[in-house]
């Protein structure tokens, strides 16, 4: 019997993933990775209790594991540092590669498991060229491939994702029929370590570094418009909470840590059709040669539709992305993910400059 370790959050998706894999004949072991919070924190203990209860109902072994130090080092600290640099990070992407998959695969080796599995809405497939990649879920509303572009070939080769063909309601119905108490549990919406309040409140409390000082709001020409409260308080595309009246709807269009300014403009000023990416991870292909251009569909934000674009590797190793049509919301620190027409992830990278 093939053994698989399922990462279980206490929610319905991971519970149904474990259920389906057991139905398919796998020997399933449930694991919860505690990544944040103290031992006596109700929400974290509740997640472990719920995951344990699910495993009892499914009659599978269960093991919780503490990963708080790993999570702090690879997710929380980089998140805070990037905000202090005026970037807009996506911590869930970093968590998937450096914490969830890293730890699950380590535990798979310890327990002698062939695979790891999660409740993500996506498919993992091996292509004719021998490479592994993720493919978009059949129902676009729940597709989570954007969050998975950093997974390596080694990680993907040992990964199962059984929910790619289901809708959320179908998953909930499976849970109800299986008698799982998490069937109607609400989805988590916030970043797990910023459960309440604003990101800036968390950064102020967490960081031991000196916070960015007040500076100037400026327009595209550099004219001073007013004062801001520190670059870490703002993100590109932000409109509300600026504390400045210009007589027209103003948006944050750029954050400049080098001179401690925040650029304001109109909504049209947010349009962008060309940007550069760093730290590119390739999935369906091994990469591209400098000067070579390939076509793709690109997403610069999780909830953006994928749009036609061209990719070209520059001589200095950055990836130039040229969209056929300009979009809003392209922000340094966020990730851009690239797909082919069949929905396979070609690769992705962090947006460096716009």
C-alpha atoms as a PDB file:
ATOM      1  CA  UNK A   1       0.000   0.000   0.000  1.00  0.00           C
ATOM      2  CA  UNK A   2       1.412   3.390  -1.019  1.00  0.00           C
ATOM      3  CA  UNK A   3       1.792   5.752   1.936  1.00  0.00           C
ATOM      4  CA  UNK A   4       0.989   9.478   1.729  1.00  0.00           C
ATOM      5  CA  UNK A   5       1.277  12.270   4.285  1.00  0.00           C
ATOM      6  CA  UNK A   6      -1.547  14.810   4.086  1.00  0.00           C
ATOM      7  CA  UNK A   7      -1.027  18.314   5.426  1.00  0.00           C
ATOM      8  CA  UNK A   8      -4.160  19.003   7.479  1.00  0.00           C
ATOM      9  CA  UNK A   9      -5.187  22.499   8.598  1.00  0.00           C
ATOM     10  CA  UNK A  10      -8.407  21.568  10.360  1.00  0.00           C
ATOM     11  CA  UNK A  11     -10.399  22.817   7.375  1.00  0.00           C
ATOM     12  CA  UNK A  12     -12.639  20.996   4.938  1.00  0.00           C
ATOM     13  CA  UNK A  13     -10.297  20.953   1.937  1.00  0.00           C
ATOM     14  CA  UNK A  14      -7.449  19.048   3.572  1.00  0.00           C
ATOM     15  CA  UNK A  15      -9.939  16.766   5.351  1.00  0.00           C
ATOM     16  CA  UNK A  16     -11.578  15.766   2.078  1.00  0.00           C
ATOM     17  CA  UNK A  17      -8.174  15.344   0.431  1.00  0.00           C
ATOM     18  CA  UNK A  18      -7.305  12.812   3.139  1.00  0.00           C
ATOM     19  CA  UNK A  19     -10.684  11.103   2.747  1.00  0.00           C
ATOM     20  CA  UNK A  20     -10.400  10.798  -1.043  1.00  0.00           C
ATOM     21  CA  UNK A  21      -6.865   9.422  -0.890  1.00  0.00           C
ATOM     22  CA  UNK A  22      -7.903   6.786   1.621  1.00  0.00           C
ATOM     23  CA  UNK A  23     -10.823   5.871  -0.648  1.00  0.00           C
ATOM     24  CA  UNK A  24      -8.334   5.448  -3.479  1.00  0.00           C
ATOM     25  CA  UNK A  25      -6.386   2.903  -1.467  1.00  0.00           C
ATOM     26  CA  UNK A  26      -3.531   4.928  -0.043  1.00  0.00           C
ATOM     27  CA  UNK A  27      -2.255   4.490   3.495  1.00  0.00           C
ATOM     28  CA  UNK A  28      -2.878   8.009   4.799  1.00  0.00           C
ATOM     29  CA  UNK A  29      -1.109   9.803   7.637  1.00  0.00           C
ATOM     30  CA  UNK A  30      -2.459  13.202   8.735  1.00  0.00           C
ATOM     31  CA  UNK A  31      -0.048  15.946   9.792  1.00  0.00           C
ATOM     32  CA  UNK A  32      -0.720  19.451  11.078  1.00  0.00           C
ATOM     33  CA  UNK A  33       2.140  21.942  10.907  1.00  0.00           C
ATOM     34  CA  UNK A  34       1.748  24.523  13.642  1.00  0.00           C
ATOM     35  CA  UNK A  35       3.405  27.575  12.168  1.00  0.00           C
ATOM     36  CA  UNK A  36       2.208  30.438  14.336  1.00  0.00           C
ATOM     37  CA  UNK A  37       0.892  31.212  17.803  1.00  0.00           C
ATOM     38  CA  UNK A  38       1.589  30.000  21.306  1.00  0.00           C
ATOM     39  CA  UNK A  39       0.628  26.615  22.730  1.00  0.00           C
ATOM     40  CA  UNK A  40      -2.246  28.121  24.698  1.00  0.00           C
ATOM     41  CA  UNK A  41      -3.684  30.159  21.838  1.00  0.00           C
ATOM     42  CA  UNK A  42      -7.259  29.012  21.294  1.00  0.00           C
ATOM     43  CA  UNK A  43      -7.372  29.284  17.481  1.00  0.00           C
ATOM     44  CA  UNK A  44      -4.183  27.273  16.948  1.00  0.00           C
ATOM     45  CA  UNK A  45      -5.165  24.582  19.442  1.00  0.00           C
ATOM     46  CA  UNK A  46      -8.613  24.449  17.854  1.00  0.00           C
ATOM     47  CA  UNK A  47      -7.099  23.750  14.417  1.00  0.00           C
ATOM     48  CA  UNK A  48      -5.093  20.849  15.814  1.00  0.00           C
ATOM     49  CA  UNK A  49      -8.128  19.488  17.681  1.00  0.00           C
ATOM     50  CA  UNK A  50     -10.252  19.674  14.525  1.00  0.00           C
ATOM     51  CA  UNK A  51      -7.607  17.957  12.407  1.00  0.00           C
ATOM     52  CA  UNK A  52      -7.164  15.247  15.031  1.00  0.00           C
ATOM     53  CA  UNK A  53     -10.928  14.691  15.185  1.00  0.00           C
ATOM     54  CA  UNK A  54     -11.084  14.339  11.399  1.00  0.00           C
ATOM     55  CA  UNK A  55      -8.316  11.740  11.473  1.00  0.00           C
ATOM     56  CA  UNK A  56     -10.130   9.815  14.201  1.00  0.00           C
ATOM     57  CA  UNK A  57     -13.283   9.702  12.070  1.00  0.00           C
ATOM     58  CA  UNK A  58     -11.300   8.613   9.001  1.00  0.00           C
ATOM     59  CA  UNK A  59      -9.359   6.095  11.106  1.00  0.00           C
ATOM     60  CA  UNK A  60      -5.951   7.359  10.056  1.00  0.00           C
ATOM     61  CA  UNK A  61      -2.871   8.169  12.108  1.00  0.00           C
ATOM     62  CA  UNK A  62      -2.313  11.782  13.105  1.00  0.00           C
ATOM     63  CA  UNK A  63       0.774  13.771  14.128  1.00  0.00           C
ATOM     64  CA  UNK A  64       1.000  17.536  14.854  1.00  0.00           C
ATOM     65  CA  UNK A  65       4.401  19.168  14.396  1.00  0.00           C
ATOM     66  CA  UNK A  66       5.778  22.493  15.581  1.00  0.00           C
ATOM     67  CA  UNK A  67       7.256  24.569  12.750  1.00  0.00           C
ATOM     68  CA  UNK A  68       7.122  28.020  14.343  1.00  0.00           C
ATOM     69  CA  UNK A  69      10.862  28.731  14.058  1.00  0.00           C
ATOM     70  CA  UNK A  70      10.994  27.598  10.434  1.00  0.00           C
ATOM     71  CA  UNK A  71       7.946  29.736   9.644  1.00  0.00           C
ATOM     72  CA  UNK A  72       9.311  32.780  11.426  1.00  0.00           C
ATOM     73  CA  UNK A  73      12.626  32.581   9.587  1.00  0.00           C
ATOM     74  CA  UNK A  74      11.280  31.907   6.090  1.00  0.00           C
ATOM     75  CA  UNK A  75       7.938  33.716   6.073  1.00  0.00           C
ATOM     76  CA  UNK A  76       7.351  36.275   8.827  1.00  0.00           C
ATOM     77  CA  UNK A  77      10.751  37.971   8.871  1.00  0.00           C
ATOM     78  CA  UNK A  78      10.958  38.320   5.071  1.00  0.00           C
ATOM     79  CA  UNK A  79       7.354  39.625   5.055  1.00  0.00           C
ATOM     80  CA  UNK A  80       8.201  42.358   7.550  1.00  0.00           C
ATOM     81  CA  UNK A  81      11.530  43.218   5.920  1.00  0.00           C
ATOM     82  CA  UNK A  82       9.961  43.581   2.481  1.00  0.00           C
ATOM     83  CA  UNK A  83       7.187  45.843   3.763  1.00  0.00           C
ATOM     84  CA  UNK A  84       9.840  48.038   5.381  1.00  0.00           C
ATOM     85  CA  UNK A  85      11.480  48.283   1.940  1.00  0.00           C
ATOM     86  CA  UNK A  86       8.241  49.479   0.331  1.00  0.00           C
ATOM     87  CA  UNK A  87       7.429  46.112  -1.282  1.00  0.00           C
ATOM     88  CA  UNK A  88       4.148  44.147  -1.210  1.00  0.00           C
ATOM     89  CA  UNK A  89       5.028  40.504  -0.412  1.00  0.00           C
ATOM     90  CA  UNK A  90       2.857  37.422  -0.641  1.00  0.00           C
ATOM     91  CA  UNK A  91       3.788  35.270   2.374  1.00  0.00           C
ATOM     92  CA  UNK A  92       1.588  32.298   1.433  1.00  0.00           C
ATOM     93  CA  UNK A  93       3.749  31.573  -1.619  1.00  0.00           C
ATOM     94  CA  UNK A  94       6.907  31.524   0.499  1.00  0.00           C
ATOM     95  CA  UNK A  95       5.210  29.354   3.109  1.00  0.00           C
ATOM     96  CA  UNK A  96       4.226  26.730   0.562  1.00  0.00           C
ATOM     97  CA  UNK A  97       7.759  26.113  -0.663  1.00  0.00           C
ATOM     98  CA  UNK A  98       9.928  26.783   2.355  1.00  0.00           C
ATOM     99  CA  UNK A  99       7.682  25.569   5.172  1.00  0.00           C
ATOM    100  CA  UNK A 100       4.757  23.354   4.146  1.00  0.00           C
ATOM    101  CA  UNK A 101       6.420  21.305   1.424  1.00  0.00           C
ATOM    102  CA  UNK A 102       9.854  21.395   3.010  1.00  0.00           C
ATOM    103  CA  UNK A 103       8.540  20.017   6.301  1.00  0.00           C
ATOM    104  CA  UNK A 104       6.015  17.597   4.784  1.00  0.00           C
ATOM    105  CA  UNK A 105       8.701  16.044   2.601  1.00  0.00           C
ATOM    106  CA  UNK A 106      11.045  15.799   5.571  1.00  0.00           C
ATOM    107  CA  UNK A 107       8.329  14.028   7.548  1.00  0.00           C
ATOM    108  CA  UNK A 108       7.540  11.803   4.561  1.00  0.00           C
ATOM    109  CA  UNK A 109      11.119  10.564   4.678  1.00  0.00           C
ATOM    110  CA  UNK A 110      10.900  10.017   8.435  1.00  0.00           C
ATOM    111  CA  UNK A 111       7.649   8.030   8.177  1.00  0.00           C
ATOM    112  CA  UNK A 112       8.582   6.205   4.983  1.00  0.00           C
ATOM    113  CA  UNK A 113       5.882   7.869   2.855  1.00  0.00           C
ATOM    114  CA  UNK A 114       6.060   7.962  -0.928  1.00  0.00           C
ATOM    115  CA  UNK A 115       4.035  11.161  -1.350  1.00  0.00           C
ATOM    116  CA  UNK A 116       2.803  14.309   0.357  1.00  0.00           C
ATOM    117  CA  UNK A 117      -0.631  15.749  -0.352  1.00  0.00           C
ATOM    118  CA  UNK A 118      -2.617  18.928   0.304  1.00  0.00           C
ATOM    119  CA  UNK A 119      -6.106  20.266  -0.218  1.00  0.00           C
ATOM    120  CA  UNK A 120      -5.106  22.787  -2.871  1.00  0.00           C
ATOM    121  CA  UNK A 121      -7.357  23.185  -5.894  1.00  0.00           C
ATOM    122  CA  UNK A 122      -4.915  22.262  -8.651  1.00  0.00           C
ATOM    123  CA  UNK A 123      -3.483  19.277 -10.516  1.00  0.00           C
ATOM    124  CA  UNK A 124       0.097  17.986 -10.478  1.00  0.00           C
ATOM    125  CA  UNK A 125       1.162  16.395 -13.745  1.00  0.00           C
ATOM    126  CA  UNK A 126       4.275  15.057 -15.414  1.00  0.00           C
ATOM    127  CA  UNK A 127       4.655  16.290 -18.986  1.00  0.00           C
ATOM    128  CA  UNK A 128       6.077  14.514 -22.023  1.00  0.00           C
ATOM    129  CA  UNK A 129       9.358  16.412 -21.554  1.00  0.00           C
ATOM    130  CA  UNK A 130       9.717  14.700 -18.165  1.00  0.00           C
ATOM    131  CA  UNK A 131       9.105  17.832 -16.110  1.00  0.00           C
ATOM    132  CA  UNK A 132       6.495  18.214 -13.392  1.00  0.00           C
ATOM    133  CA  UNK A 133       4.168  21.182 -13.195  1.00  0.00           C
ATOM    134  CA  UNK A 134       0.868  22.270 -11.707  1.00  0.00           C
ATOM    135  CA  UNK A 135      -2.192  22.708 -13.905  1.00  0.00           C
ATOM    136  CA  UNK A 136      -5.141  24.961 -13.216  1.00  0.00           C
ATOM    137  CA  UNK A 137      -8.150  23.518 -11.423  1.00  0.00           C
ATOM    138  CA  UNK A 138     -11.198  22.695 -13.530  1.00  0.00           C
ATOM    139  CA  UNK A 139     -13.171  25.426 -11.747  1.00  0.00           C
ATOM    140  CA  UNK A 140     -11.348  28.733 -12.090  1.00  0.00           C
ATOM    141  CA  UNK A 141     -13.015  30.315  -9.062  1.00  0.00           C
ATOM    142  CA  UNK A 142     -10.992  28.080  -6.712  1.00  0.00           C
ATOM    143  CA  UNK A 143      -7.797  27.622  -8.731  1.00  0.00           C
ATOM    144  CA  UNK A 144      -4.719  27.955  -6.498  1.00  0.00           C
ATOM    145  CA  UNK A 145      -1.878  27.364  -8.947  1.00  0.00           C
ATOM    146  CA  UNK A 146      -0.693  30.973  -8.534  1.00  0.00           C
ATOM    147  CA  UNK A 147       0.327  30.129  -4.961  1.00  0.00           C
ATOM    148  CA  UNK A 148       2.235  27.013  -6.065  1.00  0.00           C
ATOM    149  CA  UNK A 149       4.597  28.299  -8.748  1.00  0.00           C
ATOM    150  CA  UNK A 150       7.669  28.118  -6.485  1.00  0.00           C
ATOM    151  CA  UNK A 151       7.437  24.376  -5.913  1.00  0.00           C
ATOM    152  CA  UNK A 152      10.501  22.572  -7.223  1.00  0.00           C
ATOM    153  CA  UNK A 153      10.680  19.529  -9.478  1.00  0.00           C
ATOM    154  CA  UNK A 154      11.640  17.373  -6.503  1.00  0.00           C
ATOM    155  CA  UNK A 155       8.672  18.634  -4.489  1.00  0.00           C
ATOM    156  CA  UNK A 156       6.178  18.238  -7.333  1.00  0.00           C
ATOM    157  CA  UNK A 157       7.381  14.711  -8.157  1.00  0.00           C
ATOM    158  CA  UNK A 158       6.211  13.588  -4.718  1.00  0.00           C
ATOM    159  CA  UNK A 159       3.000  15.625  -4.484  1.00  0.00           C
ATOM    160  CA  UNK A 160      -0.656  14.625  -4.840  1.00  0.00           C
ATOM    161  CA  UNK A 161      -3.505  17.145  -5.105  1.00  0.00           C
ATOM    162  CA  UNK A 162      -6.827  15.278  -5.275  1.00  0.00           C
ATOM    163  CA  UNK A 163      -9.169  18.315  -5.316  1.00  0.00           C
ATOM    164  CA  UNK A 164      -8.338  19.772  -8.731  1.00  0.00           C
ATOM    165  CA  UNK A 165     -11.523  18.507 -10.348  1.00  0.00           C
ATOM    166  CA  UNK A 166     -13.994  19.550  -7.630  1.00  0.00           C
ATOM    167  CA  UNK A 167     -15.956  22.677  -6.785  1.00  0.00           C
ATOM    168  CA  UNK A 168     -15.977  23.938  -3.223  1.00  0.00           C
ATOM    169  CA  UNK A 169     -19.588  22.892  -2.759  1.00  0.00           C
ATOM    170  CA  UNK A 170     -18.808  19.393  -4.040  1.00  0.00           C
ATOM    171  CA  UNK A 171     -15.990  19.164  -1.499  1.00  0.00           C
ATOM    172  CA  UNK A 172     -18.326  20.264   1.288  1.00  0.00           C
ATOM    173  CA  UNK A 173     -20.907  17.690   0.196  1.00  0.00           C
ATOM    174  CA  UNK A 174     -18.288  14.928   0.262  1.00  0.00           C
ATOM    175  CA  UNK A 175     -17.386  16.003   3.802  1.00  0.00           C
ATOM    176  CA  UNK A 176     -21.031  15.909   4.873  1.00  0.00           C
ATOM    177  CA  UNK A 177     -21.520  12.424   3.452  1.00  0.00           C
ATOM    178  CA  UNK A 178     -18.358  11.269   5.197  1.00  0.00           C
ATOM    179  CA  UNK A 179     -19.605  12.656   8.507  1.00  0.00           C
ATOM    180  CA  UNK A 180     -16.782  15.174   8.885  1.00  0.00           C
ATOM    181  CA  UNK A 181     -17.571  18.009  11.331  1.00  0.00           C
ATOM    182  CA  UNK A 182     -15.592  20.546   9.262  1.00  0.00           C
ATOM    183  CA  UNK A 183     -17.980  20.248   6.283  1.00  0.00           C
ATOM    184  CA  UNK A 184     -19.404  23.745   6.706  1.00  0.00           C
ATOM    185  CA  UNK A 185     -16.409  25.433   8.305  1.00  0.00           C
ATOM    186  CA  UNK A 186     -15.735  28.857   6.785  1.00  0.00           C
ATOM    187  CA  UNK A 187     -12.623  29.369   4.680  1.00  0.00           C
ATOM    188  CA  UNK A 188      -9.816  31.338   6.271  1.00  0.00           C
ATOM    189  CA  UNK A 189      -9.425  34.714   4.568  1.00  0.00           C
ATOM    190  CA  UNK A 190      -6.554  36.471   6.283  1.00  0.00           C
ATOM    191  CA  UNK A 191      -2.825  35.842   6.503  1.00  0.00           C
ATOM    192  CA  UNK A 192      -2.526  33.465   9.452  1.00  0.00           C
ATOM    193  CA  UNK A 193      -0.143  35.607  11.482  1.00  0.00           C
ATOM    194  CA  UNK A 194      -2.110  38.832  10.929  1.00  0.00           C
ATOM    195  CA  UNK A 195      -5.468  37.543  12.109  1.00  0.00           C
ATOM    196  CA  UNK A 196      -6.656  40.889  13.456  1.00  0.00           C
ATOM    197  CA  UNK A 197      -5.869  44.506  12.704  1.00  0.00           C
ATOM    198  CA  UNK A 198      -3.763  45.985   9.928  1.00  0.00           C
ATOM    199  CA  UNK A 199      -0.488  44.711   8.551  1.00  0.00           C
ATOM    200  CA  UNK A 200       1.163  47.926   9.723  1.00  0.00           C
ATOM    201  CA  UNK A 201       0.139  47.257  13.322  1.00  0.00           C
ATOM    202  CA  UNK A 202       1.716  43.809  13.153  1.00  0.00           C
ATOM    203  CA  UNK A 203       4.900  45.162  11.557  1.00  0.00           C
ATOM    204  CA  UNK A 204       5.228  47.865  14.200  1.00  0.00           C
ATOM    205  CA  UNK A 205       4.863  45.316  17.005  1.00  0.00           C
ATOM    206  CA  UNK A 206       7.029  42.600  15.448  1.00  0.00           C
ATOM    207  CA  UNK A 207       9.967  44.431  13.919  1.00  0.00           C
ATOM    208  CA  UNK A 208      13.056  45.200  15.976  1.00  0.00           C
ATOM    209  CA  UNK A 209      14.304  47.512  13.224  1.00  0.00           C
ATOM    210  CA  UNK A 210      13.702  51.225  13.090  1.00  0.00           C
ATOM    211  CA  UNK A 211      10.483  51.880  11.208  1.00  0.00           C
ATOM    212  CA  UNK A 212      10.503  54.141   8.145  1.00  0.00           C
ATOM    213  CA  UNK A 213       9.977  57.781   9.057  1.00  0.00           C
ATOM    214  CA  UNK A 214       7.433  60.208   7.690  1.00  0.00           C
ATOM    215  CA  UNK A 215       8.105  61.559   4.208  1.00  0.00           C
ATOM    216  CA  UNK A 216       6.545  63.275   1.240  1.00  0.00           C
ATOM    217  CA  UNK A 217       3.663  62.351  -0.989  1.00  0.00           C
ATOM    218  CA  UNK A 218       4.707  63.444  -4.486  1.00  0.00           C
ATOM    219  CA  UNK A 219       3.219  63.377  -7.973  1.00  0.00           C
ATOM    220  CA  UNK A 220       4.875  61.794 -11.015  1.00  0.00           C
ATOM    221  CA  UNK A 221       6.952  64.943 -11.597  1.00  0.00           C
ATOM    222  CA  UNK A 222       8.210  64.974  -8.018  1.00  0.00           C
ATOM    223  CA  UNK A 223       6.081  67.866  -6.801  1.00  0.00           C
ATOM    224  CA  UNK A 224       5.320  67.605  -3.087  1.00  0.00           C
ATOM    225  CA  UNK A 225       1.627  67.017  -2.365  1.00  0.00           C
ATOM    226  CA  UNK A 226       1.689  66.377   1.377  1.00  0.00           C
ATOM    227  CA  UNK A 227       3.161  64.138   4.080  1.00  0.00           C
ATOM    228  CA  UNK A 228       2.926  60.369   4.477  1.00  0.00           C
ATOM    229  CA  UNK A 229       3.292  58.333   7.689  1.00  0.00           C
ATOM    230  CA  UNK A 230       6.036  55.951   6.513  1.00  0.00           C
ATOM    231  CA  UNK A 231       6.369  53.872   3.359  1.00  0.00           C
ATOM    232  CA  UNK A 232       5.452  50.634   5.175  1.00  0.00           C
ATOM    233  CA  UNK A 233       1.938  52.037   5.670  1.00  0.00           C
ATOM    234  CA  UNK A 234       1.102  51.913   1.954  1.00  0.00           C
ATOM    235  CA  UNK A 235       0.783  49.512  -0.980  1.00  0.00           C
ATOM    236  CA  UNK A 236       0.604  50.165  -4.715  1.00  0.00           C
ATOM    237  CA  UNK A 237      -3.019  50.616  -5.773  1.00  0.00           C
ATOM    238  CA  UNK A 238      -4.136  51.847  -2.353  1.00  0.00           C
ATOM    239  CA  UNK A 239      -6.778  54.554  -2.369  1.00  0.00           C
ATOM    240  CA  UNK A 240      -8.329  54.580   1.099  1.00  0.00           C
ATOM    241  CA  UNK A 241      -6.586  55.795   4.237  1.00  0.00           C
ATOM    242  CA  UNK A 242      -4.139  58.136   2.521  1.00  0.00           C
ATOM    243  CA  UNK A 243      -5.134  61.106   4.675  1.00  0.00           C
ATOM    244  CA  UNK A 244      -4.793  63.587   1.846  1.00  0.00           C
ATOM    245  CA  UNK A 245      -7.358  65.439  -0.287  1.00  0.00           C
ATOM    246  CA  UNK A 246      -6.336  66.384  -3.816  1.00  0.00           C
ATOM    247  CA  UNK A 247      -9.717  67.124  -5.367  1.00  0.00           C
ATOM    248  CA  UNK A 248      -9.677  63.873  -7.347  1.00  0.00           C
ATOM    249  CA  UNK A 249      -9.465  60.152  -6.434  1.00  0.00           C
ATOM    250  CA  UNK A 250      -5.776  59.573  -5.640  1.00  0.00           C
ATOM    251  CA  UNK A 251      -4.017  56.200  -5.698  1.00  0.00           C
ATOM    252  CA  UNK A 252      -0.580  55.048  -4.596  1.00  0.00           C
ATOM    253  CA  UNK A 253       1.223  54.395  -7.876  1.00  0.00           C
ATOM    254  CA  UNK A 254       4.792  53.885  -6.648  1.00  0.00           C
ATOM    255  CA  UNK A 255       6.740  53.586  -3.403  1.00  0.00           C
ATOM    256  CA  UNK A 256      10.307  54.894  -3.423  1.00  0.00           C
ATOM    257  CA  UNK A 257      12.373  53.796  -0.398  1.00  0.00           C
ATOM    258  CA  UNK A 258      15.516  55.394  -1.836  1.00  0.00           C
ATOM    259  CA  UNK A 259      14.150  58.886  -1.133  1.00  0.00           C
ATOM    260  CA  UNK A 260      11.325  57.973   1.270  1.00  0.00           C
ATOM    261  CA  UNK A 261       8.539  59.193  -1.015  1.00  0.00           C
ATOM    262  CA  UNK A 262       5.162  57.789  -1.989  1.00  0.00           C
ATOM    263  CA  UNK A 263       3.985  58.685  -5.484  1.00  0.00           C
ATOM    264  CA  UNK A 264       0.297  59.471  -5.938  1.00  0.00           C
ATOM    265  CA  UNK A 265      -1.620  59.584  -9.196  1.00  0.00           C
ATOM    266  CA  UNK A 266      -4.873  58.784 -10.916  1.00  0.00           C
ATOM    267  CA  UNK A 267      -6.294  55.323 -11.505  1.00  0.00           C
ATOM    268  CA  UNK A 268      -4.978  55.423 -15.069  1.00  0.00           C
ATOM    269  CA  UNK A 269      -1.461  55.927 -13.696  1.00  0.00           C
ATOM    270  CA  UNK A 270      -1.676  52.399 -12.261  1.00  0.00           C
ATOM    271  CA  UNK A 271      -1.732  50.871 -15.745  1.00  0.00           C
ATOM    272  CA  UNK A 272       1.376  48.860 -16.551  1.00  0.00           C
ATOM    273  CA  UNK A 273       2.315  46.699 -19.531  1.00  0.00           C
ATOM    274  CA  UNK A 274       6.006  45.932 -18.898  1.00  0.00           C
ATOM    275  CA  UNK A 275       7.875  44.809 -15.788  1.00  0.00           C
ATOM    276  CA  UNK A 276      10.852  42.726 -14.658  1.00  0.00           C
ATOM    277  CA  UNK A 277      10.867  39.604 -12.466  1.00  0.00           C
ATOM    278  CA  UNK A 278      13.635  38.105 -10.339  1.00  0.00           C
ATOM    279  CA  UNK A 279      14.076  34.726  -8.627  1.00  0.00           C
ATOM    280  CA  UNK A 280      12.266  32.918 -11.437  1.00  0.00           C
ATOM    281  CA  UNK A 281      11.269  29.297 -10.872  1.00  0.00           C
ATOM    282  CA  UNK A 282      10.502  27.258 -13.991  1.00  0.00           C
ATOM    283  CA  UNK A 283       8.071  24.359 -13.893  1.00  0.00           C
ATOM    284  CA  UNK A 284       6.818  23.079 -17.254  1.00  0.00           C
ATOM    285  CA  UNK A 285      10.037  24.081 -19.053  1.00  0.00           C
ATOM    286  CA  UNK A 286      13.677  24.125 -17.875  1.00  0.00           C
ATOM    287  CA  UNK A 287      14.007  27.819 -18.757  1.00  0.00           C
ATOM    288  CA  UNK A 288      14.671  30.094 -21.725  1.00  0.00           C
ATOM    289  CA  UNK A 289      17.872  31.419 -23.232  1.00  0.00           C
ATOM    290  CA  UNK A 290      18.720  35.145 -22.993  1.00  0.00           C
ATOM    291  CA  UNK A 291      17.214  37.040 -25.913  1.00  0.00           C
ATOM    292  CA  UNK A 292      14.666  34.302 -26.635  1.00  0.00           C
ATOM    293  CA  UNK A 293      11.003  35.308 -26.444  1.00  0.00           C
ATOM    294  CA  UNK A 294       8.125  32.964 -25.622  1.00  0.00           C
ATOM    295  CA  UNK A 295       4.405  33.623 -25.475  1.00  0.00           C
ATOM    296  CA  UNK A 296       2.306  32.903 -22.408  1.00  0.00           C
ATOM    297  CA  UNK A 297      -0.644  33.978 -20.282  1.00  0.00           C
ATOM    298  CA  UNK A 298       0.508  36.026 -17.284  1.00  0.00           C
ATOM    299  CA  UNK A 299      -1.047  36.836 -13.913  1.00  0.00           C
ATOM    300  CA  UNK A 300       0.488  39.675 -11.877  1.00  0.00           C
ATOM    301  CA  UNK A 301      -1.928  39.195  -8.957  1.00  0.00           C
ATOM    302  CA  UNK A 302      -3.666  36.166  -7.468  1.00  0.00           C
ATOM    303  CA  UNK A 303      -7.190  37.241  -8.397  1.00  0.00           C
ATOM    304  CA  UNK A 304      -6.308  38.732 -11.781  1.00  0.00           C
ATOM    305  CA  UNK A 305      -7.268  36.863 -14.943  1.00  0.00           C
ATOM    306  CA  UNK A 306      -4.298  35.569 -16.918  1.00  0.00           C
ATOM    307  CA  UNK A 307      -3.571  37.814 -19.906  1.00  0.00           C
ATOM    308  CA  UNK A 308      -1.531  37.330 -23.108  1.00  0.00           C
ATOM    309  CA  UNK A 309       2.112  38.312 -22.698  1.00  0.00           C
ATOM    310  CA  UNK A 310       5.650  37.757 -23.946  1.00  0.00           C
ATOM    311  CA  UNK A 311       8.563  36.585 -21.783  1.00  0.00           C
ATOM    312  CA  UNK A 312      12.204  37.385 -22.490  1.00  0.00           C
ATOM    313  CA  UNK A 313      15.243  36.635 -20.317  1.00  0.00           C
ATOM    314  CA  UNK A 314      17.609  39.595 -20.086  1.00  0.00           C
ATOM    315  CA  UNK A 315      21.401  39.327 -20.107  1.00  0.00           C
ATOM    316  CA  UNK A 316      21.533  39.993 -16.355  1.00  0.00           C
ATOM    317  CA  UNK A 317      19.179  37.108 -15.576  1.00  0.00           C
ATOM    318  CA  UNK A 318      15.969  39.036 -15.024  1.00  0.00           C
ATOM    319  CA  UNK A 319      12.765  38.092 -16.811  1.00  0.00           C
ATOM    320  CA  UNK A 320      11.108  40.822 -18.854  1.00  0.00           C
ATOM    321  CA  UNK A 321       7.337  40.502 -19.039  1.00  0.00           C
ATOM    322  CA  UNK A 322       5.499  42.443 -21.741  1.00  0.00           C
ATOM    323  CA  UNK A 323       1.713  42.301 -21.561  1.00  0.00           C
ATOM    324  CA  UNK A 324      -0.333  42.716 -24.729  1.00  0.00           C
ATOM    325  CA  UNK A 325      -2.647  45.016 -22.788  1.00  0.00           C
ATOM    326  CA  UNK A 326      -1.788  47.110 -19.739  1.00  0.00           C
ATOM    327  CA  UNK A 327      -3.273  46.075 -16.369  1.00  0.00           C
ATOM    328  CA  UNK A 328      -3.572  47.635 -12.930  1.00  0.00           C
ATOM    329  CA  UNK A 329      -2.099  46.295  -9.722  1.00  0.00           C
ATOM    330  CA  UNK A 330       1.423  45.347 -10.828  1.00  0.00           C
ATOM    331  CA  UNK A 331       3.398  45.841  -7.634  1.00  0.00           C
ATOM    332  CA  UNK A 332       7.057  45.145  -6.716  1.00  0.00           C
ATOM    333  CA  UNK A 333       7.216  42.298  -4.213  1.00  0.00           C
ATOM    334  CA  UNK A 334       4.164  40.522  -5.595  1.00  0.00           C
ATOM    335  CA  UNK A 335       4.556  37.504  -7.870  1.00  0.00           C
ATOM    336  CA  UNK A 336       3.842  37.066 -11.562  1.00  0.00           C
ATOM    337  CA  UNK A 337       2.919  33.565 -12.734  1.00  0.00           C
ATOM    338  CA  UNK A 338       2.975  32.364 -16.332  1.00  0.00           C
ATOM    339  CA  UNK A 339       0.739  29.761 -17.981  1.00  0.00           C
ATOM    340  CA  UNK A 340       0.428  28.076 -21.338  1.00  0.00           C
ATOM    341  CA  UNK A 341      -2.866  27.756 -23.204  1.00  0.00           C
ATOM    342  CA  UNK A 342      -3.583  24.375 -21.585  1.00  0.00           C
ATOM    343  CA  UNK A 343      -3.357  25.820 -18.072  1.00  0.00           C
ATOM    344  CA  UNK A 344       0.050  24.423 -17.154  1.00  0.00           C
ATOM    345  CA  UNK A 345       2.297  26.691 -15.090  1.00  0.00           C
ATOM    346  CA  UNK A 346       5.363  27.597 -17.112  1.00  0.00           C
ATOM    347  CA  UNK A 347       6.939  29.338 -14.140  1.00  0.00           C
ATOM    348  CA  UNK A 348       6.861  32.515 -12.132  1.00  0.00           C
ATOM    349  CA  UNK A 349       8.937  35.092 -10.331  1.00  0.00           C
ATOM    350  CA  UNK A 350       8.874  38.060  -7.989  1.00  0.00           C
ATOM    351  CA  UNK A 351       8.127  41.419  -9.561  1.00  0.00           C
ATOM    352  CA  UNK A 352      11.261  43.558  -9.187  1.00  0.00           C
ATOM    353  CA  UNK A 353      10.592  46.770 -11.060  1.00  0.00           C
ATOM    354  CA  UNK A 354       7.658  48.330 -12.889  1.00  0.00           C
END
